[in-house]
Amino acid sequence: QVQLVESGGGLVQPGGSLRLSCVASGTIFSITAMGWYRQAPGKERELVAIITRSGSTHYADSVKGRFTISSDNAKNTVYLQMNSLKPEDTAAYYCKYDNVRSQFGMKDYWGQGIQVTVSS
């Protein structure tokens, strides 16, 4: 099976920065897009940012100008650089790879989630 593993979360003060990484294991032939989502307690999971294989990006309005998504296609890895963090950015962050074609067919995959807490 393909597995996604996130890293880089933690506790940071308001105004600080964190960089999340998501690495895929397994033999992958193609991916349509890679993205980051987040879910705060009591709220629905929401899209934070997404990047297509060709490099096109889309951001939630709440993170535009503060977060940057990037990828290393050769390593099937996606990153999320988060700057000027605010307490309202506190959430569990999940990476998601869309339309992953592997030896197991084509499907979407989610990471297990990683906590980001912004607090003084």
N, C-alpha and C. Protein backbone atom coordinates (compact mmCIF):
# COMPACT_ATOMS: atom_id res chain seq x y z
N GLN A 1 0.83 -1.18 0.00
CA GLN A 1 0.00 0.00 0.00
C GLN A 1 0.87 1.25 0.00
N VAL A 2 0.34 2.32 -0.53
CA VAL A 2 1.03 3.60 -0.44
C VAL A 2 0.72 4.23 0.91
N GLN A 3 1.70 4.75 1.56
CA GLN A 3 1.51 5.42 2.85
C GLN A 3 2.10 6.82 2.79
N LEU A 4 1.40 7.76 3.44
CA LEU A 4 1.88 9.14 3.53
C LEU A 4 2.25 9.41 4.98
N VAL A 5 3.41 9.99 5.19
CA VAL A 5 3.87 10.28 6.54
C VAL A 5 4.23 11.75 6.63
N GLU A 6 3.55 12.45 7.57
CA GLU A 6 3.80 13.88 7.79
C GLU A 6 4.84 14.07 8.89
N SER A 7 5.54 15.18 8.83
CA SER A 7 6.47 15.56 9.89
C SER A 7 6.58 17.07 9.92
N GLY A 8 7.14 17.58 11.03
CA GLY A 8 7.40 19.01 11.13
C GLY A 8 6.44 19.80 11.99
N GLY A 9 5.43 19.16 12.52
CA GLY A 9 4.48 19.88 13.36
C GLY A 9 5.04 20.17 14.73
N GLY A 10 4.22 20.81 15.56
CA GLY A 10 4.65 21.10 16.92
C GLY A 10 4.01 22.35 17.47
N LEU A 11 4.61 22.85 18.54
CA LEU A 11 4.14 24.05 19.22
C LEU A 11 5.00 25.24 18.81
N VAL A 12 4.35 26.33 18.46
CA VAL A 12 5.07 27.52 18.04
C VAL A 12 4.32 28.74 18.56
N GLN A 13 5.05 29.80 18.82
CA GLN A 13 4.43 31.04 19.29
C GLN A 13 3.80 31.80 18.13
N PRO A 14 2.80 32.62 18.43
CA PRO A 14 2.22 33.45 17.37
C PRO A 14 3.30 34.27 16.66
N GLY A 15 3.20 34.32 15.34
CA GLY A 15 4.21 35.00 14.54
C GLY A 15 5.35 34.11 14.11
N GLY A 16 5.40 32.92 14.64
CA GLY A 16 6.48 31.98 14.31
C GLY A 16 6.23 31.23 13.01
N SER A 17 7.15 30.31 12.72
CA SER A 17 7.09 29.55 11.47
C SER A 17 7.27 28.07 11.74
N LEU A 18 6.70 27.27 10.86
CA LEU A 18 6.90 25.82 10.85
C LEU A 18 6.90 25.37 9.40
N ARG A 19 7.57 24.26 9.15
CA ARG A 19 7.57 23.66 7.82
C ARG A 19 7.12 22.22 7.94
N LEU A 20 6.01 21.91 7.31
CA LEU A 20 5.51 20.54 7.29
C LEU A 20 6.01 19.82 6.04
N SER A 21 6.26 18.54 6.21
CA SER A 21 6.66 17.69 5.09
C SER A 21 5.75 16.47 5.05
N CYS A 22 5.52 15.97 3.85
CA CYS A 22 4.74 14.73 3.67
C CYS A 22 5.45 13.89 2.62
N VAL A 23 5.82 12.70 3.02
CA VAL A 23 6.55 11.80 2.13
C VAL A 23 5.70 10.57 1.86
N ALA A 24 5.69 10.15 0.62
CA ALA A 24 4.94 8.95 0.24
C ALA A 24 5.89 7.77 0.10
N SER A 25 5.47 6.64 0.65
CA SER A 25 6.23 5.41 0.48
C SER A 25 5.51 4.52 -0.51
N GLY A 26 6.24 3.57 -1.08
CA GLY A 26 5.63 2.69 -2.05
C GLY A 26 5.98 3.12 -3.46
N THR A 27 5.67 2.26 -4.40
CA THR A 27 5.97 2.53 -5.81
C THR A 27 4.80 3.29 -6.43
N ILE A 28 5.07 4.54 -6.80
CA ILE A 28 4.04 5.42 -7.36
C ILE A 28 4.39 5.76 -8.79
N PHE A 29 3.41 5.61 -9.68
CA PHE A 29 3.64 5.89 -11.09
C PHE A 29 3.23 7.32 -11.45
N SER A 30 2.19 7.82 -10.81
CA SER A 30 1.76 9.19 -11.09
C SER A 30 0.86 9.70 -9.97
N ILE A 31 0.84 11.02 -9.83
CA ILE A 31 -0.02 11.71 -8.86
C ILE A 31 -0.58 12.94 -9.56
N THR A 32 -1.86 13.20 -9.38
CA THR A 32 -2.45 14.37 -10.02
C THR A 32 -2.15 15.64 -9.24
N ALA A 33 -2.32 15.58 -7.93
CA ALA A 33 -2.10 16.76 -7.10
C ALA A 33 -1.80 16.33 -5.68
N MET A 34 -1.15 17.23 -4.94
CA MET A 34 -0.83 17.00 -3.53
C MET A 34 -1.31 18.21 -2.74
N GLY A 35 -1.89 17.94 -1.60
CA GLY A 35 -2.43 19.07 -0.85
C GLY A 35 -2.32 18.91 0.64
N TRP A 36 -2.61 20.01 1.32
CA TRP A 36 -2.65 20.04 2.78
C TRP A 36 -4.05 20.48 3.21
N TYR A 37 -4.57 19.78 4.20
CA TYR A 37 -5.85 20.10 4.80
C TYR A 37 -5.63 20.24 6.30
N ARG A 38 -6.59 20.86 6.97
CA ARG A 38 -6.50 20.95 8.43
C ARG A 38 -7.88 20.82 9.04
N GLN A 39 -7.85 20.37 10.28
CA GLN A 39 -9.10 20.21 11.02
C GLN A 39 -8.88 20.63 12.46
N ALA A 40 -9.59 21.66 12.85
CA ALA A 40 -9.55 22.13 14.23
C ALA A 40 -10.65 21.44 15.02
N PRO A 41 -10.51 21.35 16.33
CA PRO A 41 -11.53 20.68 17.15
C PRO A 41 -12.91 21.30 16.93
N GLY A 42 -13.89 20.45 16.67
CA GLY A 42 -15.25 20.92 16.49
C GLY A 42 -15.54 21.51 15.13
N LYS A 43 -14.56 21.49 14.25
CA LYS A 43 -14.75 22.06 12.91
C LYS A 43 -14.53 21.00 11.83
N GLU A 44 -15.03 21.29 10.64
CA GLU A 44 -14.84 20.38 9.53
C GLU A 44 -13.43 20.52 8.95
N ARG A 45 -12.98 19.46 8.33
CA ARG A 45 -11.68 19.51 7.66
C ARG A 45 -11.78 20.47 6.47
N GLU A 46 -10.75 21.29 6.32
CA GLU A 46 -10.75 22.28 5.24
C GLU A 46 -9.46 22.25 4.45
N LEU A 47 -9.57 22.62 3.19
CA LEU A 47 -8.39 22.71 2.34
C LEU A 47 -7.55 23.91 2.75
N VAL A 48 -6.25 23.68 2.87
CA VAL A 48 -5.31 24.76 3.16
C VAL A 48 -4.61 25.20 1.88
N ALA A 49 -4.04 24.23 1.16
CA ALA A 49 -3.31 24.54 -0.06
C ALA A 49 -3.18 23.27 -0.88
N ILE A 50 -3.07 23.45 -2.19
CA ILE A 50 -2.91 22.30 -3.08
C ILE A 50 -1.98 22.68 -4.21
N ILE A 51 -1.21 21.71 -4.68
CA ILE A 51 -0.29 21.93 -5.79
C ILE A 51 -0.46 20.78 -6.77
N THR A 52 -0.59 21.13 -8.04
CA THR A 52 -0.70 20.08 -9.06
C THR A 52 0.69 19.60 -9.47
N ARG A 53 0.70 18.52 -10.21
CA ARG A 53 1.97 17.96 -10.65
C ARG A 53 2.74 18.94 -11.52
N SER A 54 2.00 19.81 -12.20
CA SER A 54 2.65 20.80 -13.07
C SER A 54 3.07 22.06 -12.33
N GLY A 55 2.70 22.15 -11.04
CA GLY A 55 3.15 23.27 -10.23
C GLY A 55 2.12 24.35 -9.97
N SER A 56 0.93 24.21 -10.47
CA SER A 56 -0.12 25.18 -10.17
C SER A 56 -0.54 25.05 -8.71
N THR A 57 -0.78 26.19 -8.08
CA THR A 57 -1.12 26.18 -6.66
C THR A 57 -2.43 26.90 -6.39
N HIS A 58 -3.05 26.53 -5.28
CA HIS A 58 -4.28 27.19 -4.82
C HIS A 58 -4.23 27.22 -3.30
N TYR A 59 -4.62 28.37 -2.75
CA TYR A 59 -4.58 28.53 -1.29
C TYR A 59 -5.94 28.95 -0.76
N ALA A 60 -6.22 28.55 0.46
CA ALA A 60 -7.37 29.09 1.17
C ALA A 60 -7.09 30.57 1.44
N ASP A 61 -8.14 31.36 1.42
CA ASP A 61 -7.97 32.80 1.63
C ASP A 61 -7.30 33.10 2.97
N SER A 62 -7.59 32.28 3.96
CA SER A 62 -7.08 32.53 5.30
C SER A 62 -5.58 32.37 5.42
N VAL A 63 -4.93 31.72 4.46
CA VAL A 63 -3.49 31.49 4.56
C VAL A 63 -2.70 32.16 3.44
N LYS A 64 -3.39 32.79 2.51
CA LYS A 64 -2.69 33.44 1.40
C LYS A 64 -1.71 34.48 1.91
N GLY A 65 -0.51 34.46 1.36
CA GLY A 65 0.52 35.40 1.76
C GLY A 65 1.31 34.96 2.97
N ARG A 66 0.86 33.92 3.66
CA ARG A 66 1.57 33.42 4.85
C ARG A 66 2.10 32.01 4.65
N PHE A 67 1.36 31.19 3.93
CA PHE A 67 1.76 29.79 3.71
C PHE A 67 2.21 29.62 2.26
N THR A 68 3.16 28.71 2.07
CA THR A 68 3.63 28.38 0.73
C THR A 68 3.72 26.87 0.58
N ILE A 69 3.06 26.35 -0.43
CA ILE A 69 3.13 24.91 -0.71
C ILE A 69 4.14 24.68 -1.84
N SER A 70 4.91 23.62 -1.71
CA SER A 70 5.87 23.26 -2.74
C SER A 70 6.00 21.75 -2.77
N SER A 71 6.64 21.26 -3.80
CA SER A 71 6.76 19.81 -3.92
C SER A 71 8.07 19.42 -4.58
N ASP A 72 8.47 18.20 -4.31
CA ASP A 72 9.59 17.58 -5.00
C ASP A 72 9.02 16.34 -5.67
N ASN A 73 8.71 16.48 -6.94
CA ASN A 73 8.01 15.39 -7.63
C ASN A 73 8.85 14.12 -7.70
N ALA A 74 10.15 14.27 -7.82
CA ALA A 74 11.02 13.10 -7.91
C ALA A 74 10.97 12.28 -6.62
N LYS A 75 10.71 12.95 -5.51
CA LYS A 75 10.65 12.27 -4.21
C LYS A 75 9.22 12.07 -3.73
N ASN A 76 8.23 12.45 -4.56
CA ASN A 76 6.81 12.34 -4.15
C ASN A 76 6.59 12.95 -2.78
N THR A 77 7.14 14.14 -2.60
CA THR A 77 7.09 14.84 -1.32
C THR A 77 6.46 16.21 -1.52
N VAL A 78 5.64 16.59 -0.54
CA VAL A 78 5.03 17.91 -0.56
C VAL A 78 5.36 18.61 0.75
N TYR A 79 5.56 19.92 0.66
CA TYR A 79 5.92 20.73 1.82
C TYR A 79 4.90 21.84 2.03
N LEU A 80 4.81 22.30 3.26
CA LEU A 80 3.99 23.48 3.56
C LEU A 80 4.80 24.37 4.49
N GLN A 81 5.28 25.48 3.96
CA GLN A 81 5.97 26.46 4.77
C GLN A 81 4.93 27.41 5.34
N MET A 82 4.89 27.47 6.66
CA MET A 82 3.88 28.29 7.34
C MET A 82 4.60 29.40 8.11
N ASN A 83 4.35 30.62 7.70
CA ASN A 83 4.93 31.79 8.36
C ASN A 83 3.84 32.64 9.00
N SER A 84 4.26 33.51 9.89
CA SER A 84 3.32 34.42 10.55
C SER A 84 2.13 33.66 11.12
N LEU A 85 2.43 32.60 11.81
CA LEU A 85 1.37 31.74 12.32
C LEU A 85 0.51 32.45 13.37
N LYS A 86 -0.77 32.12 13.34
CA LYS A 86 -1.75 32.71 14.24
C LYS A 86 -2.39 31.60 15.09
N PRO A 87 -2.92 31.96 16.24
CA PRO A 87 -3.60 30.93 17.05
C PRO A 87 -4.69 30.20 16.28
N GLU A 88 -5.35 30.88 15.37
CA GLU A 88 -6.42 30.23 14.61
C GLU A 88 -5.90 29.24 13.57
N ASP A 89 -4.60 29.15 13.42
CA ASP A 89 -4.01 28.12 12.56
C ASP A 89 -3.85 26.79 13.30
N THR A 90 -4.12 26.80 14.59
CA THR A 90 -4.02 25.58 15.39
C THR A 90 -4.99 24.53 14.88
N ALA A 91 -4.46 23.37 14.55
CA ALA A 91 -5.28 22.29 13.99
C ALA A 91 -4.41 21.07 13.77
N ALA A 92 -5.06 19.97 13.46
CA ALA A 92 -4.36 18.81 12.93
C ALA A 92 -4.26 18.99 11.42
N TYR A 93 -3.07 18.86 10.89
CA TYR A 93 -2.82 19.06 9.47
C TYR A 93 -2.62 17.70 8.79
N TYR A 94 -3.29 17.54 7.66
CA TYR A 94 -3.24 16.29 6.91
C TYR A 94 -2.78 16.54 5.49
N CYS A 95 -1.91 15.69 4.98
CA CYS A 95 -1.60 15.76 3.56
C CYS A 95 -2.49 14.77 2.81
N LYS A 96 -2.75 15.09 1.58
CA LYS A 96 -3.60 14.23 0.73
C LYS A 96 -3.04 14.24 -0.68
N TYR A 97 -2.89 13.06 -1.23
CA TYR A 97 -2.44 12.92 -2.60
C TYR A 97 -3.62 12.43 -3.44
N ASP A 98 -3.90 13.11 -4.54
CA ASP A 98 -5.06 12.82 -5.38
C ASP A 98 -4.69 11.94 -6.57
N ASN A 99 -5.58 10.99 -6.83
CA ASN A 99 -5.42 10.14 -8.02
C ASN A 99 -4.01 9.55 -8.12
N VAL A 100 -3.63 8.87 -7.07
CA VAL A 100 -2.33 8.22 -7.05
C VAL A 100 -2.41 6.90 -7.80
N ARG A 101 -1.62 6.77 -8.84
CA ARG A 101 -1.57 5.52 -9.60
C ARG A 101 -0.36 4.71 -9.14
N SER A 102 -0.65 3.55 -8.60
CA SER A 102 0.40 2.68 -8.09
C SER A 102 0.10 1.27 -8.54
N GLN A 103 0.89 0.33 -8.05
CA GLN A 103 0.64 -1.08 -8.37
C GLN A 103 -0.69 -1.55 -7.82
N PHE A 104 -1.28 -0.75 -6.91
CA PHE A 104 -2.55 -1.12 -6.29
C PHE A 104 -3.74 -0.47 -6.98
N GLY A 105 -3.49 0.18 -8.11
CA GLY A 105 -4.57 0.85 -8.83
C GLY A 105 -4.50 2.34 -8.63
N MET A 106 -5.64 3.03 -8.75
CA MET A 106 -5.67 4.48 -8.59
C MET A 106 -6.64 4.85 -7.48
N LYS A 107 -6.15 5.63 -6.53
CA LYS A 107 -6.99 6.10 -5.44
C LYS A 107 -6.35 7.31 -4.78
N ASP A 108 -7.11 7.95 -3.89
CA ASP A 108 -6.58 9.04 -3.09
C ASP A 108 -6.01 8.48 -1.79
N TYR A 109 -4.99 9.15 -1.29
CA TYR A 109 -4.39 8.74 -0.01
C TYR A 109 -4.29 9.94 0.93
N TRP A 110 -4.50 9.64 2.22
CA TRP A 110 -4.38 10.64 3.28
C TRP A 110 -3.24 10.25 4.22
N GLY A 111 -2.58 11.27 4.77
CA GLY A 111 -1.65 11.04 5.85
C GLY A 111 -2.41 10.88 7.15
N GLN A 112 -1.67 10.54 8.21
CA GLN A 112 -2.31 10.26 9.49
C GLN A 112 -2.60 11.53 10.27
N GLY A 113 -2.03 12.64 9.84
CA GLY A 113 -2.27 13.90 10.53
C GLY A 113 -1.15 14.25 11.48
N ILE A 114 -0.89 15.55 11.60
CA ILE A 114 0.14 16.03 12.52
C ILE A 114 -0.37 17.32 13.16
N GLN A 115 -0.12 17.46 14.45
CA GLN A 115 -0.66 18.58 15.20
C GLN A 115 0.22 19.82 15.06
N VAL A 116 -0.43 20.95 14.82
CA VAL A 116 0.22 22.25 14.84
C VAL A 116 -0.54 23.09 15.87
N THR A 117 0.20 23.58 16.86
CA THR A 117 -0.40 24.39 17.91
C THR A 117 0.32 25.74 17.96
N VAL A 118 -0.47 26.80 17.83
CA VAL A 118 0.09 28.15 17.87
C VAL A 118 -0.41 28.81 19.14
N SER A 119 0.51 29.02 20.06
CA SER A 119 0.11 29.55 21.37
C SER A 119 1.32 30.18 22.06
N SER A 120 1.03 31.20 22.84
CA SER A 120 2.10 31.82 23.63
C SER A 120 2.14 31.22 25.02
